[in-house]
Amino acid sequence: MDLQVATLCDFAAEYQGKMVISGTFDALAAKATPIVHPQCSLAMRFCFTPEDDGNHDLQISIIDEDGKPVNEKMPIKGAMPVQIPDTVAFMTRHLIVGFQG
């Protein structure tokens, strides 16, 4: 499994098999904490080869500078089942997670 894209952005969606990403950024800045960002997304693109067939457990955490989760709902956990047909050398899968303030 290869993670080809991972970015925070204002908006992300999948449209006809393509990932659309708008307003990518890598940090939030504010004069005071806690920082509230009204809406953003984490957009990821994975590439799988036949050796990656099976179930992949995923975990997403947003942490502070001390490595502690910034929210009691973290981490977000899930599974990504992968079945690659014999006729292809690789396949990609998009994962978009939306966050609201």
PDB file of N, CA and C in Angstrom:
ATOM      1  N   MET A   1       0.852  -1.169   0.000  1.00  0.00           N
ATOM      2  CA  MET A   1       0.000   0.000   0.000  1.00  0.00           C
ATOM      3  C   MET A   1       0.895   1.229   0.000  1.00  0.00           C
ATOM      4  N   ASP A   2       0.545   2.172  -0.840  1.00  0.00           N
ATOM      5  CA  ASP A   2       1.312   3.395  -0.974  1.00  0.00           C
ATOM      6  C   ASP A   2       0.374   4.579  -0.781  1.00  0.00           C
ATOM      7  N   LEU A   3       0.684   5.469   0.133  1.00  0.00           N
ATOM      8  CA  LEU A   3      -0.093   6.690   0.311  1.00  0.00           C
ATOM      9  C   LEU A   3       0.473   7.729  -0.641  1.00  0.00           C
ATOM     10  N   GLN A   4      -0.275   8.064  -1.690  1.00  0.00           N
ATOM     11  CA  GLN A   4       0.216   8.984  -2.715  1.00  0.00           C
ATOM     12  C   GLN A   4      -0.116  10.440  -2.413  1.00  0.00           C
ATOM     13  N   VAL A   5      -1.252  10.689  -1.771  1.00  0.00           N
ATOM     14  CA  VAL A   5      -1.678  12.050  -1.440  1.00  0.00           C
ATOM     15  C   VAL A   5      -2.265  12.043  -0.035  1.00  0.00           C
ATOM     16  N   ALA A   6      -1.896  13.022   0.754  1.00  0.00           N
ATOM     17  CA  ALA A   6      -2.530  13.264   2.053  1.00  0.00           C
ATOM     18  C   ALA A   6      -2.428  14.757   2.305  1.00  0.00           C
ATOM     19  N   THR A   7      -3.571  15.448   2.303  1.00  0.00           N
ATOM     20  CA  THR A   7      -3.549  16.892   2.491  1.00  0.00           C
ATOM     21  C   THR A   7      -4.792  17.381   3.208  1.00  0.00           C
ATOM     22  N   LEU A   8      -4.610  18.390   4.033  1.00  0.00           N
ATOM     23  CA  LEU A   8      -5.743  19.116   4.589  1.00  0.00           C
ATOM     24  C   LEU A   8      -6.178  20.142   3.554  1.00  0.00           C
ATOM     25  N   CYS A   9      -7.471  20.345   3.431  1.00  0.00           N
ATOM     26  CA  CYS A   9      -7.971  21.274   2.422  1.00  0.00           C
ATOM     27  C   CYS A   9      -9.322  21.837   2.844  1.00  0.00           C
ATOM     28  N   ASP A  10      -9.727  22.908   2.166  1.00  0.00           N
ATOM     29  CA  ASP A  10     -11.035  23.494   2.440  1.00  0.00           C
ATOM     30  C   ASP A  10     -12.160  22.573   2.002  1.00  0.00           C
ATOM     31  N   PHE A  11     -11.948  21.868   0.892  1.00  0.00           N
ATOM     32  CA  PHE A  11     -13.002  21.021   0.331  1.00  0.00           C
ATOM     33  C   PHE A  11     -12.368  19.900  -0.481  1.00  0.00           C
ATOM     34  N   ALA A  12     -12.957  18.719  -0.412  1.00  0.00           N
ATOM     35  CA  ALA A  12     -12.542  17.602  -1.258  1.00  0.00           C
ATOM     36  C   ALA A  12     -13.764  16.752  -1.565  1.00  0.00           C
ATOM     37  N   ALA A  13     -13.785  16.190  -2.770  1.00  0.00           N
ATOM     38  CA  ALA A  13     -14.876  15.309  -3.187  1.00  0.00           C
ATOM     39  C   ALA A  13     -14.345  14.373  -4.261  1.00  0.00           C
ATOM     40  N   GLU A  14     -15.057  13.275  -4.450  1.00  0.00           N
ATOM     41  CA  GLU A  14     -14.734  12.362  -5.539  1.00  0.00           C
ATOM     42  C   GLU A  14     -15.809  12.511  -6.594  1.00  0.00           C
ATOM     43  N   TYR A  15     -15.382  12.716  -7.827  1.00  0.00           N
ATOM     44  CA  TYR A  15     -16.308  12.922  -8.933  1.00  0.00           C
ATOM     45  C   TYR A  15     -15.844  12.083 -10.117  1.00  0.00           C
ATOM     46  N   GLN A  16     -16.643  11.114 -10.514  1.00  0.00           N
ATOM     47  CA  GLN A  16     -16.336  10.214 -11.633  1.00  0.00           C
ATOM     48  C   GLN A  16     -14.948   9.585 -11.492  1.00  0.00           C
ATOM     49  N   GLY A  17     -14.645   9.118 -10.286  1.00  0.00           N
ATOM     50  CA  GLY A  17     -13.381   8.435 -10.043  1.00  0.00           C
ATOM     51  C   GLY A  17     -12.184   9.343  -9.840  1.00  0.00           C
ATOM     52  N   LYS A  18     -12.407  10.666  -9.904  1.00  0.00           N
ATOM     53  CA  LYS A  18     -11.316  11.619  -9.709  1.00  0.00           C
ATOM     54  C   LYS A  18     -11.505  12.336  -8.382  1.00  0.00           C
ATOM     55  N   MET A  19     -10.402  12.612  -7.714  1.00  0.00           N
ATOM     56  CA  MET A  19     -10.482  13.355  -6.464  1.00  0.00           C
ATOM     57  C   MET A  19     -10.298  14.836  -6.769  1.00  0.00           C
ATOM     58  N   VAL A  20     -11.243  15.642  -6.311  1.00  0.00           N
ATOM     59  CA  VAL A  20     -11.211  17.088  -6.498  1.00  0.00           C
ATOM     60  C   VAL A  20     -10.828  17.711  -5.162  1.00  0.00           C
ATOM     61  N   ILE A  21      -9.740  18.484  -5.152  1.00  0.00           N
ATOM     62  CA  ILE A  21      -9.229  19.099  -3.928  1.00  0.00           C
ATOM     63  C   ILE A  21      -9.160  20.606  -4.141  1.00  0.00           C
ATOM     64  N   SER A  22      -9.683  21.370  -3.170  1.00  0.00           N
ATOM     65  CA  SER A  22      -9.664  22.828  -3.264  1.00  0.00           C
ATOM     66  C   SER A  22      -9.130  23.423  -1.966  1.00  0.00           C
ATOM     67  N   GLY A  23      -8.212  24.353  -2.091  1.00  0.00           N
ATOM     68  CA  GLY A  23      -7.717  25.095  -0.933  1.00  0.00           C
ATOM     69  C   GLY A  23      -6.878  24.292   0.023  1.00  0.00           C
ATOM     70  N   THR A  24      -5.815  23.674  -0.461  1.00  0.00           N
ATOM     71  CA  THR A  24      -4.973  22.847   0.405  1.00  0.00           C
ATOM     72  C   THR A  24      -4.126  23.713   1.354  1.00  0.00           C
ATOM     73  N   PHE A  25      -3.924  23.230   2.576  1.00  0.00           N
ATOM     74  CA  PHE A  25      -3.103  23.937   3.560  1.00  0.00           C
ATOM     75  C   PHE A  25      -2.474  22.921   4.502  1.00  0.00           C
ATOM     76  N   ASP A  26      -1.469  23.374   5.268  1.00  0.00           N
ATOM     77  CA  ASP A  26      -0.789  22.447   6.177  1.00  0.00           C
ATOM     78  C   ASP A  26      -0.726  22.931   7.619  1.00  0.00           C
ATOM     79  N   ALA A  27      -1.288  24.109   7.890  1.00  0.00           N
ATOM     80  CA  ALA A  27      -1.274  24.613   9.263  1.00  0.00           C
ATOM     81  C   ALA A  27      -2.435  25.576   9.473  1.00  0.00           C
ATOM     82  N   LEU A  28      -2.851  25.701  10.716  1.00  0.00           N
ATOM     83  CA  LEU A  28      -3.860  26.684  11.110  1.00  0.00           C
ATOM     84  C   LEU A  28      -3.184  27.688  12.034  1.00  0.00           C
ATOM     85  N   ALA A  29      -3.516  28.961  11.877  1.00  0.00           N
ATOM     86  CA  ALA A  29      -2.938  29.996  12.729  1.00  0.00           C
ATOM     87  C   ALA A  29      -4.058  30.820  13.354  1.00  0.00           C
ATOM     88  N   ALA A  30      -3.848  31.226  14.592  1.00  0.00           N
ATOM     89  CA  ALA A  30      -4.843  32.040  15.285  1.00  0.00           C
ATOM     90  C   ALA A  30      -4.158  32.823  16.396  1.00  0.00           C
ATOM     91  N   LYS A  31      -4.807  33.896  16.825  1.00  0.00           N
ATOM     92  CA  LYS A  31      -4.262  34.713  17.911  1.00  0.00           C
ATOM     93  C   LYS A  31      -4.466  34.058  19.267  1.00  0.00           C
ATOM     94  N   ALA A  32      -5.472  33.184  19.352  1.00  0.00           N
ATOM     95  CA  ALA A  32      -5.772  32.531  20.628  1.00  0.00           C
ATOM     96  C   ALA A  32      -6.256  31.106  20.385  1.00  0.00           C
ATOM     97  N   THR A  33      -6.174  30.299  21.414  1.00  0.00           N
ATOM     98  CA  THR A  33      -6.690  28.935  21.340  1.00  0.00           C
ATOM     99  C   THR A  33      -7.927  28.834  22.209  1.00  0.00           C
ATOM    100  N   PRO A  34      -8.803  27.939  21.993  1.00  0.00           N
ATOM    101  CA  PRO A  34      -8.733  26.914  20.947  1.00  0.00           C
ATOM    102  C   PRO A  34      -9.021  27.496  19.564  1.00  0.00           C
ATOM    103  N   ILE A  35      -8.404  26.895  18.572  1.00  0.00           N
ATOM    104  CA  ILE A  35      -8.613  27.293  17.184  1.00  0.00           C
ATOM    105  C   ILE A  35      -9.855  26.586  16.671  1.00  0.00           C
ATOM    106  N   VAL A  36     -10.729  27.342  16.044  1.00  0.00           N
ATOM    107  CA  VAL A  36     -11.921  26.752  15.433  1.00  0.00           C
ATOM    108  C   VAL A  36     -11.884  27.052  13.946  1.00  0.00           C
ATOM    109  N   HIS A  37     -11.875  26.019  13.150  1.00  0.00           N
ATOM    110  CA  HIS A  37     -11.923  26.152  11.695  1.00  0.00           C
ATOM    111  C   HIS A  37     -13.296  25.645  11.272  1.00  0.00           C
ATOM    112  N   PRO A  38     -14.088  26.450  10.561  1.00  0.00           N
ATOM    113  CA  PRO A  38     -15.480  26.074  10.307  1.00  0.00           C
ATOM    114  C   PRO A  38     -15.656  24.745   9.578  1.00  0.00           C
ATOM    115  N   GLN A  39     -14.819  24.491   8.596  1.00  0.00           N
ATOM    116  CA  GLN A  39     -14.946  23.242   7.841  1.00  0.00           C
ATOM    117  C   GLN A  39     -13.653  22.977   7.094  1.00  0.00           C
ATOM    118  N   CYS A  40     -13.222  21.721   7.092  1.00  0.00           N
ATOM    119  CA  CYS A  40     -12.081  21.311   6.285  1.00  0.00           C
ATOM    120  C   CYS A  40     -12.184  19.814   6.038  1.00  0.00           C
ATOM    121  N   SER A  41     -11.329  19.331   5.165  1.00  0.00           N
ATOM    122  CA  SER A  41     -11.311  17.903   4.839  1.00  0.00           C
ATOM    123  C   SER A  41      -9.885  17.391   4.844  1.00  0.00           C
ATOM    124  N   LEU A  42      -9.748  16.118   5.114  1.00  0.00           N
ATOM    125  CA  LEU A  42      -8.491  15.404   4.929  1.00  0.00           C
ATOM    126  C   LEU A  42      -8.693  14.529   3.706  1.00  0.00           C
ATOM    127  N   ALA A  43      -7.922  14.796   2.652  1.00  0.00           N
ATOM    128  CA  ALA A  43      -8.051  14.053   1.400  1.00  0.00           C
ATOM    129  C   ALA A  43      -6.843  13.137   1.227  1.00  0.00           C
ATOM    130  N   MET A  44      -7.110  11.849   0.984  1.00  0.00           N
ATOM    131  CA  MET A  44      -6.036  10.868   0.827  1.00  0.00           C
ATOM    132  C   MET A  44      -6.282   9.997  -0.400  1.00  0.00           C
ATOM    133  N   ARG A  45      -5.196   9.622  -1.045  1.00  0.00           N
ATOM    134  CA  ARG A  45      -5.258   8.694  -2.177  1.00  0.00           C
ATOM    135  C   ARG A  45      -4.258   7.575  -1.906  1.00  0.00           C
ATOM    136  N   PHE A  46      -4.759   6.344  -1.933  1.00  0.00           N
ATOM    137  CA  PHE A  46      -3.941   5.155  -1.709  1.00  0.00           C
ATOM    138  C   PHE A  46      -3.786   4.391  -3.021  1.00  0.00           C
ATOM    139  N   CYS A  47      -2.629   3.777  -3.211  1.00  0.00           N
ATOM    140  CA  CYS A  47      -2.402   2.899  -4.360  1.00  0.00           C
ATOM    141  C   CYS A  47      -2.104   1.495  -3.820  1.00  0.00           C
ATOM    142  N   PHE A  48      -2.812   0.512  -4.363  1.00  0.00           N
ATOM    143  CA  PHE A  48      -2.672  -0.874  -3.928  1.00  0.00           C
ATOM    144  C   PHE A  48      -2.185  -1.740  -5.081  1.00  0.00           C
ATOM    145  N   THR A  49      -1.348  -2.720  -4.765  1.00  0.00           N
ATOM    146  CA  THR A  49      -0.906  -3.725  -5.725  1.00  0.00           C
ATOM    147  C   THR A  49      -1.474  -5.073  -5.282  1.00  0.00           C
ATOM    148  N   PRO A  50      -1.378  -6.110  -6.118  1.00  0.00           N
ATOM    149  CA  PRO A  50      -1.956  -7.409  -5.746  1.00  0.00           C
ATOM    150  C   PRO A  50      -1.489  -7.944  -4.388  1.00  0.00           C
ATOM    151  N   GLU A  51      -0.285  -7.610  -3.969  1.00  0.00           N
ATOM    152  CA  GLU A  51       0.209  -8.064  -2.665  1.00  0.00           C
ATOM    153  C   GLU A  51      -0.577  -7.441  -1.507  1.00  0.00           C
ATOM    154  N   ASP A  52      -1.311  -6.374  -1.783  1.00  0.00           N
ATOM    155  CA  ASP A  52      -2.060  -5.661  -0.742  1.00  0.00           C
ATOM    156  C   ASP A  52      -3.477  -6.178  -0.554  1.00  0.00           C
ATOM    157  N   ASP A  53      -3.860  -7.233  -1.281  1.00  0.00           N
ATOM    158  CA  ASP A  53      -5.211  -7.787  -1.139  1.00  0.00           C
ATOM    159  C   ASP A  53      -5.514  -8.078   0.329  1.00  0.00           C
ATOM    160  N   GLY A  54      -6.717  -7.739   0.739  1.00  0.00           N
ATOM    161  CA  GLY A  54      -7.128  -8.026   2.113  1.00  0.00           C
ATOM    162  C   GLY A  54      -7.728  -6.804   2.778  1.00  0.00           C
ATOM    163  N   ASN A  55      -7.883  -6.894   4.078  1.00  0.00           N
ATOM    164  CA  ASN A  55      -8.489  -5.828   4.861  1.00  0.00           C
ATOM    165  C   ASN A  55      -7.393  -4.970   5.497  1.00  0.00           C
ATOM    166  N   HIS A  56      -7.492  -3.660   5.343  1.00  0.00           N
ATOM    167  CA  HIS A  56      -6.509  -2.736   5.910  1.00  0.00           C
ATOM    168  C   HIS A  56      -7.184  -1.884   6.976  1.00  0.00           C
ATOM    169  N   ASP A  57      -6.675  -1.944   8.202  1.00  0.00           N
ATOM    170  CA  ASP A  57      -7.198  -1.117   9.288  1.00  0.00           C
ATOM    171  C   ASP A  57      -6.584   0.273   9.197  1.00  0.00           C
ATOM    172  N   LEU A  58      -7.426   1.284   9.345  1.00  0.00           N
ATOM    173  CA  LEU A  58      -6.972   2.670   9.279  1.00  0.00           C
ATOM    174  C   LEU A  58      -7.275   3.372  10.596  1.00  0.00           C
ATOM    175  N   GLN A  59      -6.415   4.325  10.939  1.00  0.00           N
ATOM    176  CA  GLN A  59      -6.633   5.132  12.131  1.00  0.00           C
ATOM    177  C   GLN A  59      -6.143   6.541  11.833  1.00  0.00           C
ATOM    178  N   ILE A  60      -7.003   7.533  12.069  1.00  0.00           N
ATOM    179  CA  ILE A  60      -6.661   8.928  11.829  1.00  0.00           C
ATOM    180  C   ILE A  60      -6.743   9.666  13.158  1.00  0.00           C
ATOM    181  N   SER A  61      -5.673  10.376  13.491  1.00  0.00           N
ATOM    182  CA  SER A  61      -5.642  11.173  14.717  1.00  0.00           C
ATOM    183  C   SER A  61      -5.182  12.582  14.389  1.00  0.00           C
ATOM    184  N   ILE A  62      -5.811  13.553  14.994  1.00  0.00           N
ATOM    185  CA  ILE A  62      -5.317  14.924  14.943  1.00  0.00           C
ATOM    186  C   ILE A  62      -4.781  15.204  16.338  1.00  0.00           C
ATOM    187  N   ILE A  63      -3.493  15.536  16.387  1.00  0.00           N
ATOM    188  CA  ILE A  63      -2.821  15.655  17.679  1.00  0.00           C
ATOM    189  C   ILE A  63      -2.235  17.053  17.864  1.00  0.00           C
ATOM    190  N   ASP A  64      -1.967  17.395  19.115  1.00  0.00           N
ATOM    191  CA  ASP A  64      -1.318  18.671  19.403  1.00  0.00           C
ATOM    192  C   ASP A  64       0.199  18.482  19.396  1.00  0.00           C
ATOM    193  N   GLU A  65       0.918  19.550  19.750  1.00  0.00           N
ATOM    194  CA  GLU A  65       2.384  19.491  19.695  1.00  0.00           C
ATOM    195  C   GLU A  65       2.974  18.499  20.692  1.00  0.00           C
ATOM    196  N   ASP A  66       2.188  18.072  21.668  1.00  0.00           N
ATOM    197  CA  ASP A  66       2.648  17.070  22.633  1.00  0.00           C
ATOM    198  C   ASP A  66       2.253  15.646  22.247  1.00  0.00           C
ATOM    199  N   GLY A  67       1.603  15.499  21.084  1.00  0.00           N
ATOM    200  CA  GLY A  67       1.198  14.173  20.627  1.00  0.00           C
ATOM    201  C   GLY A  67      -0.108  13.683  21.211  1.00  0.00           C
ATOM    202  N   LYS A  68      -0.861  14.569  21.844  1.00  0.00           N
ATOM    203  CA  LYS A  68      -2.140  14.186  22.446  1.00  0.00           C
ATOM    204  C   LYS A  68      -3.286  14.542  21.511  1.00  0.00           C
ATOM    205  N   PRO A  69      -4.328  13.708  21.446  1.00  0.00           N
ATOM    206  CA  PRO A  69      -5.482  14.005  20.580  1.00  0.00           C
ATOM    207  C   PRO A  69      -6.107  15.351  20.953  1.00  0.00           C
ATOM    208  N   VAL A  70      -6.508  16.119  19.935  1.00  0.00           N
ATOM    209  CA  VAL A  70      -7.109  17.428  20.180  1.00  0.00           C
ATOM    210  C   VAL A  70      -8.609  17.336  20.433  1.00  0.00           C
ATOM    211  N   ASN A  71      -9.164  16.140  20.287  1.00  0.00           N
ATOM    212  CA  ASN A  71     -10.603  15.969  20.416  1.00  0.00           C
ATOM    213  C   ASN A  71     -10.875  14.606  21.039  1.00  0.00           C
ATOM    214  N   GLU A  72     -11.906  14.538  21.866  1.00  0.00           N
ATOM    215  CA  GLU A  72     -12.248  13.266  22.515  1.00  0.00           C
ATOM    216  C   GLU A  72     -12.770  12.232  21.529  1.00  0.00           C
ATOM    217  N   LYS A  73     -13.108  12.645  20.310  1.00  0.00           N
ATOM    218  CA  LYS A  73     -13.594  11.702  19.298  1.00  0.00           C
ATOM    219  C   LYS A  73     -12.449  11.059  18.512  1.00  0.00           C
ATOM    220  N   MET A  74     -11.226  11.414  18.826  1.00  0.00           N
ATOM    221  CA  MET A  74     -10.067  10.859  18.144  1.00  0.00           C
ATOM    222  C   MET A  74      -9.579   9.639  18.896  1.00  0.00           C
ATOM    223  N   PRO A  75      -8.978   8.680  18.249  1.00  0.00           N
ATOM    224  CA  PRO A  75      -8.788   8.609  16.803  1.00  0.00           C
ATOM    225  C   PRO A  75     -10.048   8.126  16.082  1.00  0.00           C
ATOM    226  N   ILE A  76     -10.078   8.414  14.794  1.00  0.00           N
ATOM    227  CA  ILE A  76     -11.123   7.880  13.922  1.00  0.00           C
ATOM    228  C   ILE A  76     -10.587   6.561  13.380  1.00  0.00           C
ATOM    229  N   LYS A  77     -11.348   5.498  13.541  1.00  0.00           N
ATOM    230  CA  LYS A  77     -10.893   4.177  13.096  1.00  0.00           C
ATOM    231  C   LYS A  77     -11.826   3.629  12.028  1.00  0.00           C
ATOM    232  N   GLY A  78     -11.258   2.853  11.114  1.00  0.00           N
ATOM    233  CA  GLY A  78     -12.054   2.231  10.072  1.00  0.00           C
ATOM    234  C   GLY A  78     -11.265   1.141   9.380  1.00  0.00           C
ATOM    235  N   ALA A  79     -11.904   0.507   8.424  1.00  0.00           N
ATOM    236  CA  ALA A  79     -11.262  -0.558   7.653  1.00  0.00           C
ATOM    237  C   ALA A  79     -11.468  -0.289   6.171  1.00  0.00           C
ATOM    238  N   MET A  80     -10.486  -0.666   5.374  1.00  0.00           N
ATOM    239  CA  MET A  80     -10.570  -0.525   3.931  1.00  0.00           C
ATOM    240  C   MET A  80     -10.316  -1.892   3.299  1.00  0.00           C
ATOM    241  N   PRO A  81     -11.385  -2.581   2.886  1.00  0.00           N
ATOM    242  CA  PRO A  81     -11.186  -3.865   2.214  1.00  0.00           C
ATOM    243  C   PRO A  81     -10.671  -3.644   0.791  1.00  0.00           C
ATOM    244  N   VAL A  82      -9.715  -4.449   0.384  1.00  0.00           N
ATOM    245  CA  VAL A  82      -9.112  -4.319  -0.947  1.00  0.00           C
ATOM    246  C   VAL A  82      -9.158  -5.666  -1.645  1.00  0.00           C
ATOM    247  N   GLN A  83      -9.769  -5.686  -2.816  1.00  0.00           N
ATOM    248  CA  GLN A  83      -9.776  -6.873  -3.680  1.00  0.00           C
ATOM    249  C   GLN A  83      -9.367  -6.425  -5.076  1.00  0.00           C
ATOM    250  N   ILE A  84      -8.195  -6.833  -5.489  1.00  0.00           N
ATOM    251  CA  ILE A  84      -7.669  -6.421  -6.784  1.00  0.00           C
ATOM    252  C   ILE A  84      -7.902  -7.535  -7.793  1.00  0.00           C
ATOM    253  N   PRO A  85      -8.589  -7.226  -8.896  1.00  0.00           N
ATOM    254  CA  PRO A  85      -8.813  -8.243  -9.928  1.00  0.00           C
ATOM    255  C   PRO A  85      -7.491  -8.735 -10.519  1.00  0.00           C
ATOM    256  N   ASP A  86      -7.486  -9.959 -10.989  1.00  0.00           N
ATOM    257  CA  ASP A  86      -6.274 -10.537 -11.583  1.00  0.00           C
ATOM    258  C   ASP A  86      -5.822  -9.790 -12.832  1.00  0.00           C
ATOM    259  N   THR A  87      -6.707  -9.034 -13.437  1.00  0.00           N
ATOM    260  CA  THR A  87      -6.411  -8.380 -14.714  1.00  0.00           C
ATOM    261  C   THR A  87      -5.744  -7.013 -14.572  1.00  0.00           C
ATOM    262  N   VAL A  88      -5.531  -6.532 -13.341  1.00  0.00           N
ATOM    263  CA  VAL A  88      -4.911  -5.211 -13.171  1.00  0.00           C
ATOM    264  C   VAL A  88      -3.651  -5.312 -12.313  1.00  0.00           C
ATOM    265  N   ALA A  89      -2.713  -4.390 -12.561  1.00  0.00           N
ATOM    266  CA  ALA A  89      -1.451  -4.383 -11.820  1.00  0.00           C
ATOM    267  C   ALA A  89      -1.549  -3.569 -10.533  1.00  0.00           C
ATOM    268  N   PHE A  90      -2.469  -2.620 -10.500  1.00  0.00           N
ATOM    269  CA  PHE A  90      -2.657  -1.791  -9.313  1.00  0.00           C
ATOM    270  C   PHE A  90      -4.041  -1.156  -9.361  1.00  0.00           C
ATOM    271  N   MET A  91      -4.469  -0.620  -8.215  1.00  0.00           N
ATOM    272  CA  MET A  91      -5.700   0.163  -8.178  1.00  0.00           C
ATOM    273  C   MET A  91      -5.549   1.249  -7.125  1.00  0.00           C
ATOM    274  N   THR A  92      -6.308   2.323  -7.304  1.00  0.00           N
ATOM    275  CA  THR A  92      -6.259   3.414  -6.340  1.00  0.00           C
ATOM    276  C   THR A  92      -7.601   3.539  -5.635  1.00  0.00           C
ATOM    277  N   ARG A  93      -7.556   4.102  -4.454  1.00  0.00           N
ATOM    278  CA  ARG A  93      -8.763   4.316  -3.660  1.00  0.00           C
ATOM    279  C   ARG A  93      -8.620   5.664  -2.977  1.00  0.00           C
ATOM    280  N   HIS A  94      -9.673   6.451  -3.004  1.00  0.00           N
ATOM    281  CA  HIS A  94      -9.693   7.754  -2.341  1.00  0.00           C
ATOM    282  C   HIS A  94     -10.407   7.642  -1.004  1.00  0.00           C
ATOM    283  N   LEU A  95      -9.928   8.388  -0.048  1.00  0.00           N
ATOM    284  CA  LEU A  95     -10.586   8.487   1.249  1.00  0.00           C
ATOM    285  C   LEU A  95     -10.624   9.966   1.623  1.00  0.00           C
ATOM    286  N   ILE A  96     -11.832  10.472   1.842  1.00  0.00           N
ATOM    287  CA  ILE A  96     -12.022  11.875   2.202  1.00  0.00           C
ATOM    288  C   ILE A  96     -12.776  11.918   3.526  1.00  0.00           C
ATOM    289  N   VAL A  97     -12.191  12.595   4.497  1.00  0.00           N
ATOM    290  CA  VAL A  97     -12.807  12.736   5.815  1.00  0.00           C
ATOM    291  C   VAL A  97     -13.085  14.219   6.035  1.00  0.00           C
ATOM    292  N   GLY A  98     -14.351  14.551   6.271  1.00  0.00           N
ATOM    293  CA  GLY A  98     -14.728  15.940   6.501  1.00  0.00           C
ATOM    294  C   GLY A  98     -14.793  16.263   7.982  1.00  0.00           C
ATOM    295  N   PHE A  99     -14.343  17.456   8.336  1.00  0.00           N
ATOM    296  CA  PHE A  99     -14.379  17.941   9.717  1.00  0.00           C
ATOM    297  C   PHE A  99     -15.127  19.268   9.749  1.00  0.00           C
ATOM    298  N   GLN A 100     -15.973  19.444  10.742  1.00  0.00           N
ATOM    299  CA  GLN A 100     -16.690  20.709  10.910  1.00  0.00           C
ATOM    300  C   GLN A 100     -16.487  21.227  12.316  1.00  0.00           C
ATOM    301  N   GLY A 101     -16.171  22.551  12.416  1.00  0.00           N
ATOM    302  CA  GLY A 101     -15.846  23.307  13.574  1.00  0.00           C
ATOM    303  C   GLY A 101     -16.386  22.955  14.860  1.00  0.00           C
TER     304      GLY A 101
END
